[in-house]
Protein backbone atom coordinates (compact mmCIF):
# COMPACT_ATOMS: atom_id res chain seq x y z
CA MET A 1 146.13 112.97 105.72
CA ILE A 2 146.53 111.76 102.11
CA THR A 3 146.00 108.16 103.18
CA GLY A 4 142.78 109.14 104.95
CA LEU A 5 141.45 110.91 101.86
CA VAL A 6 142.27 107.92 99.66
CA LEU A 7 140.49 105.56 102.05
CA SER A 8 137.52 107.92 102.16
CA ALA A 9 137.35 108.02 98.37
CA LEU A 10 137.48 104.22 98.13
CA LEU A 11 134.71 103.85 100.73
CA PHE A 12 132.64 106.46 98.95
CA GLY A 13 133.05 104.73 95.60
CA ALA A 14 132.35 101.29 97.04
CA VAL A 15 128.96 102.44 98.37
CA TYR A 16 127.88 105.25 96.04
CA PHE A 17 128.54 104.12 92.50
CA PRO A 18 127.00 100.61 92.74
CA THR A 19 123.87 102.26 94.13
CA LEU A 20 123.94 104.76 91.27
CA THR A 21 124.30 101.97 88.72
CA ARG A 22 121.31 100.06 90.11
CA LEU A 23 118.91 102.91 90.69
CA SER A 24 119.76 105.84 88.43
CA ILE A 25 117.45 106.09 85.45
CA ALA A 26 117.68 109.04 83.08
CA LEU A 27 114.40 110.92 83.31
CA VAL A 28 113.39 113.81 81.07
CA SER A 29 112.74 116.84 83.27
CA PRO A 30 110.09 119.44 82.39
CA TYR A 31 111.53 121.86 84.97
CA ALA A 32 114.10 124.61 84.56
CA LYS A 33 117.42 124.42 86.39
CA ALA A 34 117.35 126.26 89.72
CA ASP A 35 119.82 129.09 90.41
CA VAL A 36 123.11 127.47 91.55
CA PRO A 37 124.27 130.30 93.90
CA LYS A 38 120.87 130.20 95.55
CA ARG A 39 121.20 126.44 96.05
CA LEU A 40 124.65 126.83 97.57
CA ALA A 41 123.33 129.53 99.90
CA ALA A 42 120.46 127.24 100.95
CA ALA A 43 122.98 124.48 101.64
CA ALA A 44 124.99 126.88 103.80
CA ILE A 45 121.88 127.73 105.83
CA ASP A 46 121.09 124.04 106.24
CA GLY A 47 124.64 123.45 107.41
CA VAL A 48 124.24 125.70 110.47
CA PRO A 49 122.30 123.21 112.67
CA ILE A 50 124.63 120.43 111.54
CA VAL A 51 127.76 122.40 112.48
CA VAL A 52 126.19 123.44 115.79
CA SER A 53 125.37 119.82 116.61
CA GLY A 54 128.96 118.79 115.78
CA LEU A 55 130.45 121.49 118.00
CA PHE A 56 128.14 120.43 120.82
CA TYR A 57 129.39 116.87 120.47
CA TRP A 58 133.06 117.86 120.60
CA SER A 59 132.51 120.11 123.60
CA SER A 60 130.23 117.90 125.68
CA GLY A 61 130.60 114.39 124.33
CA SER A 62 126.81 113.97 124.24
CA VAL A 63 125.42 112.30 121.13
CA ALA A 64 121.84 113.52 121.53
CA LEU A 65 122.17 116.74 119.54
CA PRO A 66 124.44 115.21 116.86
CA LEU A 67 121.81 112.54 116.26
CA ILE A 68 119.24 115.28 115.69
CA GLY A 69 121.67 116.98 113.32
CA ALA A 70 122.22 113.74 111.40
CA ALA A 71 118.46 113.16 111.15
CA TYR A 72 118.05 116.69 109.82
CA MET A 73 120.82 116.09 107.27
CA LEU A 74 119.06 112.98 105.98
CA LEU A 75 115.42 114.10 106.07
CA ARG A 76 115.66 117.88 105.68
CA ASP A 77 114.02 117.93 102.21
CA GLY A 78 111.23 115.51 103.04
CA VAL A 79 108.52 117.95 104.16
CA ARG A 80 106.90 119.34 100.99
CA GLY A 81 110.34 119.24 99.39
CA GLN A 82 111.77 122.14 101.43
CA SER A 83 114.45 122.33 104.07
CA VAL A 84 114.88 125.50 106.15
CA GLY A 85 117.40 126.87 103.65
CA LYS A 86 115.26 126.05 100.64
CA LEU A 87 112.14 127.44 102.29
CA TRP A 88 114.01 130.65 103.08
CA LEU A 89 115.33 131.09 99.53
CA GLY A 90 112.35 129.75 97.58
CA LEU A 91 113.58 126.36 96.35
CA VAL A 92 111.75 123.04 96.20
CA VAL A 93 112.93 119.47 95.57
CA MET A 94 110.58 117.70 93.09
CA ASN A 95 110.36 113.96 92.36
CA LEU A 96 110.60 113.60 88.57
CA ARG A 97 108.72 110.30 88.57
CA THR A 98 105.65 111.46 90.45
CA GLY A 99 105.66 115.19 89.75
CA ARG A 100 105.21 115.74 93.50
CA PRO A 101 107.46 117.40 96.05
CA CYS A 102 110.22 115.29 97.62
CA THR A 103 109.10 112.88 100.35
CA LEU A 104 110.99 111.70 103.43
CA LYS A 105 112.01 108.57 101.53
CA ASP A 106 113.27 110.64 98.58
CA SER A 107 115.21 112.90 100.97
CA LEU A 108 116.85 109.87 102.58
CA TRP A 109 118.03 108.60 99.18
CA ARG A 110 119.42 111.95 98.00
CA ASN A 111 121.27 112.80 101.24
CA ALA A 112 122.33 109.46 102.76
CA LEU A 113 125.86 109.45 101.35
CA PHE A 114 126.80 112.68 103.11
CA LEU A 115 126.88 110.63 106.33
CA ILE A 116 129.15 107.81 105.12
CA PRO A 117 131.93 107.69 107.73
CA GLY A 118 135.16 109.11 106.34
CA ALA A 119 133.67 110.00 102.94
CA ASN A 120 131.85 113.21 103.86
CA LEU A 121 134.40 115.58 102.33
CA VAL A 122 134.62 113.58 99.09
CA ALA A 123 130.81 113.52 98.86
CA VAL A 124 130.54 117.29 99.37
CA VAL A 125 133.16 118.05 96.69
CA LEU A 126 131.82 115.56 94.15
CA GLU A 127 128.21 116.62 94.66
CA ALA A 128 129.15 120.30 94.24
CA VAL A 129 130.93 119.56 90.96
CA THR A 130 128.02 117.58 89.49
CA LEU A 131 125.56 120.23 90.68
CA VAL A 132 127.34 122.91 88.66
CA ARG A 133 128.00 120.81 85.56
CA ASP A 134 124.70 118.96 85.18
CA PRO A 135 122.33 120.70 82.69
CA GLN A 136 119.37 120.15 85.04
CA GLY A 137 121.32 120.99 88.16
CA GLN A 138 121.09 117.40 89.42
CA ARG A 139 123.81 116.22 91.73
CA LEU A 140 124.47 112.49 92.03
CA GLY A 141 122.08 112.20 94.97
CA ASP A 142 119.35 113.69 92.77
CA ARG A 143 120.11 111.12 90.08
CA ILE A 144 119.67 108.28 92.55
CA ALA A 145 116.48 109.69 94.09
CA HIS A 146 115.12 110.89 90.70
CA THR A 147 114.74 114.42 92.05
CA GLN A 148 115.51 117.96 90.90
CA VAL A 149 115.70 121.27 92.74
CA ILE A 150 113.51 123.95 91.14
CA GLU A 151 112.33 127.45 91.92
CA GLY A 152 109.47 127.40 94.41
CA LEU A 153 107.65 129.31 97.12
CA GLY A 154 109.96 131.06 99.60
CA VAL A 155 109.66 133.03 102.81
CA LYS A 156 109.70 136.30 100.89
CA ASP A 157 106.76 135.11 98.83
CA LEU A 158 104.95 134.02 101.96
CA ALA A 159 105.65 137.32 103.68
CA ALA A 160 104.05 139.16 100.77
CA SER A 161 100.72 137.56 101.66
CA PHE A 162 101.03 138.09 105.42
CA GLN A 163 99.60 141.58 105.27
CA GLN A 164 96.44 140.33 103.53
CA TRP A 165 96.08 137.54 106.05
CA TRP A 166 96.58 139.90 109.00
CA LEU A 167 94.03 142.39 107.68
CA LYS A 168 91.61 139.54 107.09
CA PHE A 169 92.26 138.24 110.60
CA LEU A 170 91.45 141.67 112.05
CA GLY A 171 88.22 141.79 110.05
CA GLU A 172 89.13 144.39 107.42
CA VAL A 173 86.48 145.03 104.75
CA GLY A 174 87.29 143.44 101.38
CA PRO A 175 87.17 145.13 97.96
CA ALA A 176 83.53 144.26 97.44
CA GLY A 177 82.52 146.20 100.56
CA ARG A 178 82.04 143.19 102.78
CA LYS A 179 84.19 140.96 104.92
CA PRO A 180 85.63 138.13 102.77
CA GLU A 181 84.60 134.63 103.66
CA ARG A 182 87.23 132.46 105.26
CA GLU A 183 88.03 129.49 103.03
CA PRO A 184 89.79 126.18 103.65
CA ALA A 185 93.53 126.49 104.25
CA ASP A 186 94.50 124.48 101.16
CA VAL A 187 92.31 126.66 98.91
CA ARG A 188 93.78 129.88 100.37
CA ARG A 189 97.29 128.53 100.08
CA ARG A 190 96.87 127.70 96.37
CA ARG A 191 95.58 131.17 95.50
CA HIS A 192 98.87 132.78 96.34
CA ILE A 193 100.77 130.17 94.37
CA GLU A 194 98.60 130.13 91.23
CA GLY A 195 99.10 133.85 90.53
CA ARG A 196 102.89 133.52 90.12
CA SER A 197 104.64 132.94 86.81
CA THR A 198 107.53 130.75 87.99
CA GLU A 199 107.42 127.30 86.38
CA MET A 200 106.41 125.13 89.33
CA LYS A 201 104.41 127.38 91.66
CA ASN A 202 101.20 125.46 91.14
CA GLU A 203 102.80 122.01 91.24
CA ILE A 204 104.18 122.51 94.74
CA PHE A 205 101.03 122.85 96.78
CA SER A 206 98.23 121.74 94.42
CA ARG A 207 97.84 118.49 96.38
CA THR A 208 98.36 119.76 99.92
CA SER A 209 95.76 119.43 102.66
CA GLY A 210 95.29 120.78 106.14
CA GLY A 211 97.38 117.93 107.55
CA SER A 212 100.35 119.05 105.44
CA MET A 213 100.27 122.50 107.08
CA ILE A 214 100.38 120.92 110.53
CA ARG A 215 103.39 118.82 109.61
CA ARG A 216 105.20 121.87 108.26
CA ILE A 217 104.59 123.83 111.43
CA VAL A 218 105.84 120.96 113.61
CA VAL A 219 109.03 120.59 111.59
CA ALA A 220 109.56 124.35 111.51
CA ALA A 221 109.31 124.49 115.30
CA ILE A 222 112.13 121.95 115.57
CA LEU A 223 114.35 123.62 112.99
CA GLY A 224 114.14 127.21 114.17
CA ALA A 225 112.03 130.27 114.87
CA ALA A 226 112.67 131.69 111.41
CA ALA A 227 110.80 128.81 109.75
CA LEU A 228 108.16 128.59 112.49
CA ALA A 229 106.05 131.51 111.31
CA ALA A 230 106.62 131.15 107.59
CA PRO A 231 104.04 128.50 106.69
CA SER A 232 101.18 130.42 108.28
CA LEU A 233 101.82 133.40 106.00
CA ALA A 234 100.44 131.66 102.90
CA ILE A 235 96.82 131.41 104.02
CA ALA A 236 95.42 134.65 102.59
CA GLN A 237 93.49 133.59 99.48
CA GLN A 238 90.37 134.80 97.74
CA ARG A 239 88.30 133.08 95.11
CA ALA A 240 85.47 134.20 92.90
CA ALA A 241 82.04 132.58 93.03
CA ASP A 242 83.08 130.12 90.31
CA GLY A 243 86.13 129.02 92.33
CA VAL A 244 88.82 130.75 90.26
CA VAL A 245 91.72 132.46 92.03
CA ILE A 246 91.58 136.24 92.55
CA ASN A 247 94.91 138.08 92.61
CA ASP A 248 95.94 140.95 94.89
CA GLU A 249 94.25 143.46 92.57
CA GLY A 250 90.95 141.58 92.79
CA GLN A 251 91.17 140.13 89.26
CA PRO A 252 90.26 136.48 88.53
CA GLN A 253 93.17 134.43 87.16
CA TYR A 254 91.92 132.31 84.26
CA SER A 255 95.01 130.49 83.01
CA THR A 256 93.99 128.70 79.87
CA PHE A 257 94.28 128.15 76.17
CA SER A 258 91.50 129.20 73.87
CA LEU A 259 90.55 129.42 70.20
CA CYS A 260 88.52 132.11 68.41
CA ALA A 261 87.51 131.22 64.86
CA ILE A 262 85.01 131.80 62.06
CA ASP A 263 83.64 129.79 59.12
CA PRO A 264 83.09 132.12 56.15
CA ALA A 265 81.00 129.49 54.34
CA THR A 266 78.34 129.29 57.06
CA GLY A 267 78.81 132.70 58.68
CA GLN A 268 79.39 131.05 62.06
CA SER A 269 81.77 132.43 64.70
CA GLY A 270 83.05 130.41 67.64
CA ALA A 271 85.04 130.56 70.87
CA ALA A 272 86.35 127.44 72.60
CA VAL A 273 88.44 127.19 75.77
CA THR A 274 89.83 124.79 78.36
CA THR A 275 91.64 125.46 81.61
CA ARG A 276 92.47 124.06 85.06
CA VAL A 277 89.85 125.99 87.00
CA PRO A 278 86.12 125.11 87.09
CA PHE A 279 83.34 126.76 85.05
CA VAL A 280 85.54 128.54 82.53
CA GLY A 281 82.59 129.03 80.20
CA ARG A 282 81.12 131.69 82.48
CA ALA A 283 83.87 134.22 81.82
CA VAL A 284 86.23 133.51 78.92
CA PRO A 285 84.36 132.78 75.62
CA TRP A 286 82.13 135.38 73.92
CA VAL A 287 80.46 135.21 70.49
CA ARG A 288 77.88 137.20 68.57
CA ALA A 289 76.19 136.23 65.30
CA GLY A 290 77.49 138.17 62.31
CA VAL A 291 80.07 139.95 64.49
CA GLY A 292 82.87 137.61 65.63
CA ALA A 293 84.35 136.15 68.80
CA VAL A 294 86.40 137.23 71.83
CA CYS A 295 88.23 135.22 74.50
CA THR A 296 89.35 137.12 77.61
CA GLN A 297 91.61 135.26 80.04
CA ALA A 298 94.66 135.35 82.38
CA SER A 299 93.72 138.19 84.79
CA THR A 300 90.31 138.07 83.22
CA MET A 301 88.42 141.27 82.59
CA VAL A 302 85.04 139.74 81.78
CA GLU A 303 83.74 143.03 80.42
CA TYR A 304 86.21 142.79 77.54
CA GLY A 305 83.99 140.10 76.02
CA PRO A 306 80.84 142.12 75.34
CA ARG A 307 82.79 145.39 74.91
CA GLY A 308 85.04 143.77 72.33
CA LEU A 309 82.02 142.45 70.41
CA ASP A 310 80.41 145.91 70.52
CA LEU A 311 83.52 147.41 68.95
CA LEU A 312 83.63 144.71 66.26
CA ALA A 313 79.95 145.39 65.49
CA LYS A 314 80.90 149.01 64.83
CA GLY A 315 83.48 147.91 62.27
CA VAL A 316 86.57 148.39 64.43
CA GLU A 317 89.35 146.01 63.36
CA PRO A 318 90.67 143.50 65.94
CA PRO A 319 94.06 145.21 66.60
CA ALA A 320 92.25 148.49 67.20
CA VAL A 321 89.73 146.68 69.42
CA LEU A 322 92.57 145.53 71.68
CA THR A 323 94.09 149.00 71.71
CA GLN A 324 90.83 150.57 72.85
CA LEU A 325 90.08 147.88 75.44
CA LEU A 326 93.52 148.08 77.04
CA ALA A 327 94.18 151.80 76.67
CA ASP A 328 93.33 152.78 80.25
CA ASP A 329 93.92 149.36 81.85
CA ALA A 330 96.60 149.61 84.53
CA ALA A 331 96.73 145.81 84.67
CA ARG A 332 97.05 145.28 80.92
CA GLU A 333 100.31 143.37 81.34
CA SER A 334 98.45 140.66 83.26
CA ARG A 335 95.70 140.30 80.62
CA GLN A 336 95.37 138.01 77.63
CA VAL A 337 92.70 138.64 74.99
CA GLY A 338 92.00 137.13 71.57
CA VAL A 339 89.69 138.78 68.99
CA ILE A 340 88.44 137.82 65.51
CA ASP A 341 85.90 139.46 63.18
CA MET A 342 83.77 137.97 60.42
CA LYS A 343 86.35 138.90 57.77
CA GLY A 344 88.82 136.54 59.43
CA ARG A 345 90.99 139.37 60.77
CA ALA A 346 92.41 138.34 64.13
CA ALA A 347 94.64 139.72 66.87
CA ALA A 348 95.68 138.83 70.41
CA HIS A 349 97.28 140.58 73.37
CA THR A 350 99.52 138.72 75.82
CA GLY A 351 100.73 140.84 78.74
CA LYS A 352 104.31 140.55 79.95
CA GLN A 353 103.12 139.37 83.37
CA ASN A 354 101.28 136.32 81.99
CA GLY A 355 102.47 133.05 83.47
CA ASN A 356 105.11 131.20 81.47
CA TRP A 357 104.61 129.76 78.87
CA ALA A 358 102.32 132.38 77.33
CA GLY A 359 101.75 133.46 73.74
CA SER A 360 99.44 133.32 70.73
CA LYS A 361 99.26 132.45 67.05
CA GLN A 362 97.03 133.81 64.30
CA GLY A 363 96.19 132.17 61.00
CA ARG A 364 93.50 131.95 58.36
CA ASN A 365 90.19 132.58 60.16
CA TYR A 366 91.48 131.88 63.69
CA THR A 367 93.52 133.05 66.66
CA VAL A 368 94.73 130.80 69.47
CA GLN A 369 96.10 132.18 72.74
CA ALA A 370 97.45 130.52 75.87
CA ASN A 371 99.12 131.18 79.21
CA ILE A 372 100.67 128.98 81.93
CA MET A 373 101.19 126.25 79.32
CA VAL A 374 103.72 123.45 79.22
CA GLY A 375 105.18 125.21 76.18
CA PRO A 376 104.52 126.65 72.69
CA GLU A 377 103.77 123.15 71.38
CA VAL A 378 100.23 123.51 72.78
CA VAL A 379 99.46 126.54 70.60
CA ASP A 380 101.18 124.96 67.60
CA ALA A 381 99.10 121.78 67.94
CA VAL A 382 95.82 123.71 68.16
CA ALA A 383 96.71 125.80 65.11
CA ALA A 384 97.92 122.84 63.04
CA THR A 385 94.78 120.77 63.67
CA PHE A 386 92.42 123.65 62.92
CA GLU A 387 94.24 124.44 59.68
CA ALA A 388 94.28 120.74 58.66
CA THR A 389 90.46 120.50 58.87
CA GLU A 390 89.78 123.53 56.67
CA GLY A 391 87.72 122.63 53.62
CA THR A 392 86.84 119.17 54.92
CA GLY A 393 83.18 119.95 55.40
CA LEU A 394 83.35 119.47 59.17
CA PRO A 395 81.23 121.92 61.20
CA LEU A 396 83.10 124.79 62.84
CA ALA A 397 82.30 123.42 66.31
CA GLU A 398 83.81 120.03 65.53
CA ARG A 399 86.95 121.60 64.03
CA MET A 400 87.45 123.73 67.13
CA ILE A 401 86.89 120.83 69.54
CA LEU A 402 89.37 118.65 67.65
CA ALA A 403 91.89 121.51 67.72
CA LEU A 404 91.54 121.91 71.50
CA GLU A 405 91.86 118.15 71.86
CA SER A 406 95.23 118.28 70.09
CA GLY A 407 96.48 121.04 72.40
CA TYR A 408 95.24 119.19 75.44
CA ALA A 409 97.11 116.07 74.31
CA LYS A 410 100.34 118.09 74.34
CA GLY A 411 99.89 118.86 78.04
CA GLY A 412 97.86 122.06 77.91
CA ASP A 413 97.66 124.04 81.14
CA ARG A 414 100.63 122.84 83.21
CA ARG A 415 98.92 123.10 86.62
CA TRP A 416 98.33 119.35 86.82
CA GLY A 417 96.20 118.25 89.74
CA ASN A 418 93.80 121.22 89.69
CA LEU A 419 90.14 121.07 88.70
CA GLN A 420 89.53 121.31 84.96
CA SER A 421 86.78 122.65 82.72
CA ALA A 422 86.05 123.41 79.07
CA ALA A 423 83.47 125.31 77.04
CA ILE A 424 82.51 126.18 73.48
CA LYS A 425 80.05 128.69 72.01
CA ILE A 426 79.00 128.96 68.36
CA ALA A 427 77.00 131.90 66.98
CA ASP A 428 75.07 131.43 63.72
CA PRO A 429 73.12 134.23 61.97
CA ASN A 430 70.93 131.58 60.32
CA ASP A 431 69.97 129.79 63.54
CA PRO A 432 68.08 131.75 66.25
CA GLY A 433 68.82 129.04 68.79
CA ARG A 434 66.56 128.10 71.67
CA GLY A 435 66.87 131.52 73.29
CA ASN A 436 66.47 133.58 70.11
CA ASP A 437 70.01 134.87 70.70
CA TYR A 438 71.48 133.13 67.65
CA ILE A 439 73.74 131.04 69.86
CA ALA A 440 73.45 127.78 67.94
CA LEU A 441 75.64 125.77 70.33
CA ALA A 442 76.75 126.28 73.92
CA ILE A 443 78.47 123.46 75.80
CA GLU A 444 80.05 123.94 79.21
CA VAL A 445 81.82 121.16 81.06
CA GLY A 446 82.01 122.78 84.49
CA GLU A 447 84.40 120.19 85.96
CA HIS A 448 85.75 116.93 84.57
CA ALA A 449 88.97 114.91 84.64
CA ASP A 450 89.04 115.07 80.82
CA PRO A 451 87.03 118.21 80.03
CA VAL A 452 87.83 118.40 76.32
CA GLY A 453 87.04 114.72 75.81
CA GLU A 454 83.77 115.17 77.69
CA MET A 455 82.91 118.25 75.62
CA LYS A 456 83.56 116.23 72.46
CA ARG A 457 81.34 113.41 73.74
CA ILE A 458 78.51 115.81 74.52
CA TYR A 459 78.82 117.44 71.10
CA TYR A 460 78.82 114.13 69.23
CA THR A 461 75.97 112.70 71.29
CA THR A 462 73.61 115.67 71.24
CA GLY A 463 74.39 116.39 67.58
CA ARG A 464 73.98 112.68 66.67
CA ARG A 465 77.37 112.89 64.99
CA LEU A 466 78.83 109.74 63.50
CA GLY A 467 80.85 107.99 66.17
CA TYR A 468 78.70 108.83 69.17
CA ARG A 469 77.37 105.24 69.23
CA SER A 470 78.03 101.79 67.80
CA PHE A 471 75.35 100.26 65.60
CA SER A 472 74.74 97.47 63.09
CA GLN A 473 71.91 95.67 61.34
CA VAL A 474 69.49 94.35 63.93
CA ASP A 475 68.74 90.67 63.49
CA GLY A 476 68.61 87.49 65.51
CA ALA A 477 66.40 85.10 67.41
CA ASP A 478 64.75 87.89 69.39
CA VAL A 479 63.52 89.49 66.15
CA ILE A 480 62.05 86.13 65.09
CA GLU A 481 60.23 85.94 68.42
CA LEU A 482 58.99 89.53 67.95
CA LYS A 483 57.57 88.73 64.52
CA ARG A 484 56.02 85.47 65.75
CA MET A 485 54.09 87.34 68.52
CA LEU A 486 53.06 90.20 66.22
CA HIS A 487 51.84 87.67 63.65
CA ALA A 488 49.80 85.80 66.25
CA LEU A 489 48.15 89.08 67.25
CA GLY A 490 47.44 90.06 63.64
CA TYR A 491 49.93 92.93 63.37
CA TRP A 492 52.47 91.31 61.02
CA ARG A 493 51.59 89.44 57.79
CA SER A 494 48.16 88.42 58.93
CA SER A 495 47.64 86.74 55.55
CA LEU A 496 50.27 84.20 56.50
CA ALA A 497 48.44 81.06 57.61
CA ALA A 498 51.05 80.03 60.16
CA PHE A 499 54.37 81.37 61.28
CA PRO A 500 56.97 78.96 59.90
CA ASP A 501 59.48 77.13 62.03
CA PRO A 502 63.19 77.43 61.22
CA PRO A 503 64.88 74.73 59.11
CA PRO A 504 65.81 71.65 61.11
CA SER A 505 69.27 71.37 62.54
CA THR A 506 71.87 69.23 60.82
CA ASN A 507 73.63 68.55 64.11
CA THR A 508 71.79 65.31 64.89
CA ARG A 509 72.81 61.72 65.52
CA GLN A 510 71.30 60.60 62.23
CA MET A 511 73.28 63.23 60.32
CA GLN A 512 76.50 62.22 62.07
CA ASP A 513 75.88 58.60 61.07
CA LEU A 514 75.21 59.73 57.50
CA ARG A 515 78.47 61.63 57.51
CA ARG A 516 80.36 58.40 58.21
CA THR A 517 78.40 56.17 55.86
CA ASN A 518 77.70 58.52 52.94
CA PRO A 519 79.74 61.76 53.04
CA ALA A 520 78.46 62.94 49.65
CA ASP A 521 74.80 62.87 50.72
CA TYR A 522 75.76 64.48 54.04
CA ASP A 523 77.49 67.41 52.32
CA LYS A 524 74.50 67.89 49.98
CA ILE A 525 71.99 68.01 52.86
CA VAL A 526 74.17 70.39 54.90
CA GLU A 527 74.51 72.78 51.94
CA GLU A 528 70.74 72.78 51.35
CA SER A 529 70.19 73.45 55.08
CA ARG A 530 72.56 76.39 54.98
CA ARG A 531 70.70 77.97 52.05
CA ALA A 532 67.35 77.41 53.78
CA SER A 533 68.61 78.92 57.04
CA ALA A 534 69.92 81.99 55.21
CA ALA A 535 66.55 82.48 53.47
CA TYR A 536 64.69 82.03 56.75
CA ALA A 537 66.90 84.57 58.52
CA ARG A 538 66.42 87.05 55.66
CA ASP A 539 62.63 86.78 55.89
CA TYR A 540 62.09 86.39 59.63
CA ALA A 541 65.20 87.40 61.61
CA GLN A 542 65.78 90.97 60.33
CA TYR A 543 64.22 94.03 61.92
CA ASP A 544 62.95 95.62 58.72
CA ALA A 545 60.58 98.43 57.80
CA GLU A 546 57.58 96.08 57.71
CA THR A 547 58.23 94.98 61.28
CA ILE A 548 58.81 98.56 62.45
CA ALA A 549 55.39 99.52 61.08
CA ALA A 550 53.80 96.60 62.95
CA VAL A 551 55.52 97.64 66.20
CA ASP A 552 54.35 101.24 65.82
CA LYS A 553 50.73 100.13 65.23
CA PHE A 554 50.78 97.90 68.32
CA ARG A 555 52.19 100.79 70.41
CA ALA A 556 49.50 103.13 69.15
CA ASP A 557 46.71 100.63 69.87
CA ARG A 558 48.01 100.12 73.42
CA ASN A 559 48.65 103.85 74.12
CA LEU A 560 52.37 103.23 74.46
CA ASN A 561 53.49 106.15 72.30
CA TYR A 562 55.02 109.24 73.87
CA GLN A 563 56.38 112.39 72.31
CA GLY A 564 59.99 111.84 71.30
CA ASN A 565 59.78 108.05 70.92
CA PRO A 566 61.74 106.88 67.86
CA ALA A 567 60.02 104.75 65.25
CA GLY A 568 59.94 101.05 65.99
CA LEU A 569 60.90 101.43 69.65
CA VAL A 570 61.06 98.03 71.33
CA ASP A 571 61.64 98.79 75.00
CA ALA A 572 60.73 97.03 78.25
CA ARG A 573 57.23 98.54 78.36
CA PHE A 574 56.51 97.38 74.81
CA VAL A 575 57.86 93.87 75.43
CA ASP A 576 55.77 93.46 78.59
CA ALA A 577 52.60 94.58 76.81
CA LEU A 578 53.28 92.42 73.76
CA ARG A 579 54.07 89.31 75.78
CA ALA A 580 50.95 89.76 77.94
CA ALA A 581 48.73 90.13 74.86
CA TYR A 582 50.35 87.13 73.17
CA LEU A 583 49.89 84.88 76.22
CA ASP A 584 46.25 85.95 76.55
CA LYS A 585 45.71 85.05 72.90
CA GLN A 586 47.39 81.66 73.35
CA ARG A 587 45.38 80.85 76.50
CA GLY A 588 42.18 81.79 74.71
CA ALA A 589 43.06 79.47 71.85
CA LEU A 590 43.68 76.59 74.27
CA LYS A 591 40.24 77.01 75.84
CA LYS A 592 38.62 76.62 72.49
């Protein structure tokens, strides 16, 4: 017996540790360690078909069922990262390199050594020890495959949505008094997941498609009746018109980070936000000139925006505003609201049921609040950047956008893979705006891969802020040609008898001969040519005010001006008209 164990250990070491040395790379994990007893229980459940297949082999001698058991042992975690045991208990295997659930290949790597002949017992014991001792709960197989087991969606979670699905299937009337529309399976599946506060609920199924559901059902049919029905329970999902998830109470789930701020020097108030759902600007940010700003998010109660501003307008302080808004709200623990008035007093409410990480921070003339973040570093980055730009002379809008950009760079909303949006609103009592509502700025990026960057681009471009374009002094051969044609047509320096030619080139055969025979004379001629070329370029190659005036006069004479054209516009229409007029003039001169 002892000899057999020793041989097993040697075989295990000969195969396992060289593989570990070659492939194991320490990866930083953003996920929390899964519950160890739950993992052991899942392993026990997964062991049932393996034990049954082994008993069948010993009793019948047939290898058919044992082969199925061995295949299950190797590939059991390869379908959306969940075996039967993990699906039952709500665990998921994630690939730390890709951020996606474990694939069949990953499952093969992390489980292969359990099937090494003679080393099974050693593998089980060693893996159990490393599972308990590792700070991330990674056994050696996880180290090789770069995977980690985390909390995920389980059968109990799926069963909670079965009632909604069944009522929807039977045609029950929804909360709005009409039958809800049936949506794509992947959209309905994500709605259940996004409402949960466990760290990786959104990561698990954010990239699934209809084909993934079919594969899960097929595998579940092979593995047992208990898993057969489970995947179909997650299909009950509702979304608002803007695409955001609606929870079981009918509330939209805007998971986001936002900033409410004021600028006492200008009297402006602003609200800026970004999130991983589309069209966030329709619900979260609210501003009113001379009053303040409100951001309402998480299980968003949109009415808190205008109601909060009404209370601020009456002189109610922000903490009291939150107290009044939430007083009779049965779902207050799922809300998050930030409020600031024009005196710089700020407050925020973060309910206990907000998705982790959730919290807020208040400072001089601002409040930043966030939920379902990668961590508190997002809020800290937003606050630090906003504080650092105080007194710099930057507009409030730019300060807020830069602050959101810093938070976004830290990871922001942790539901990677979902659609993203961003928005900002600035109210200014000295600027009626285009709608006479004193909203001086309103930018909404309804959906974009980099919504904050796109919002910044729009702000810089439409505000003609420095950095929105590259520019330099305009000069060159094309400007010389422009002036030559305008001169010929009498629009530029008509008193000039003839448009001068540029200085002759010094790169000629004669000059090269002179360089060999008389270097001193060559250097003198080259230096004089350089000075002449510089003077010629200064007079004829620069697009200066005199030339701009000539261009504008030609455009006016040819009816080429349109409202909004900048001064001195040389575009394709102008060039075509100028060239045609110039050629006509030259042909007329030839006829004479």
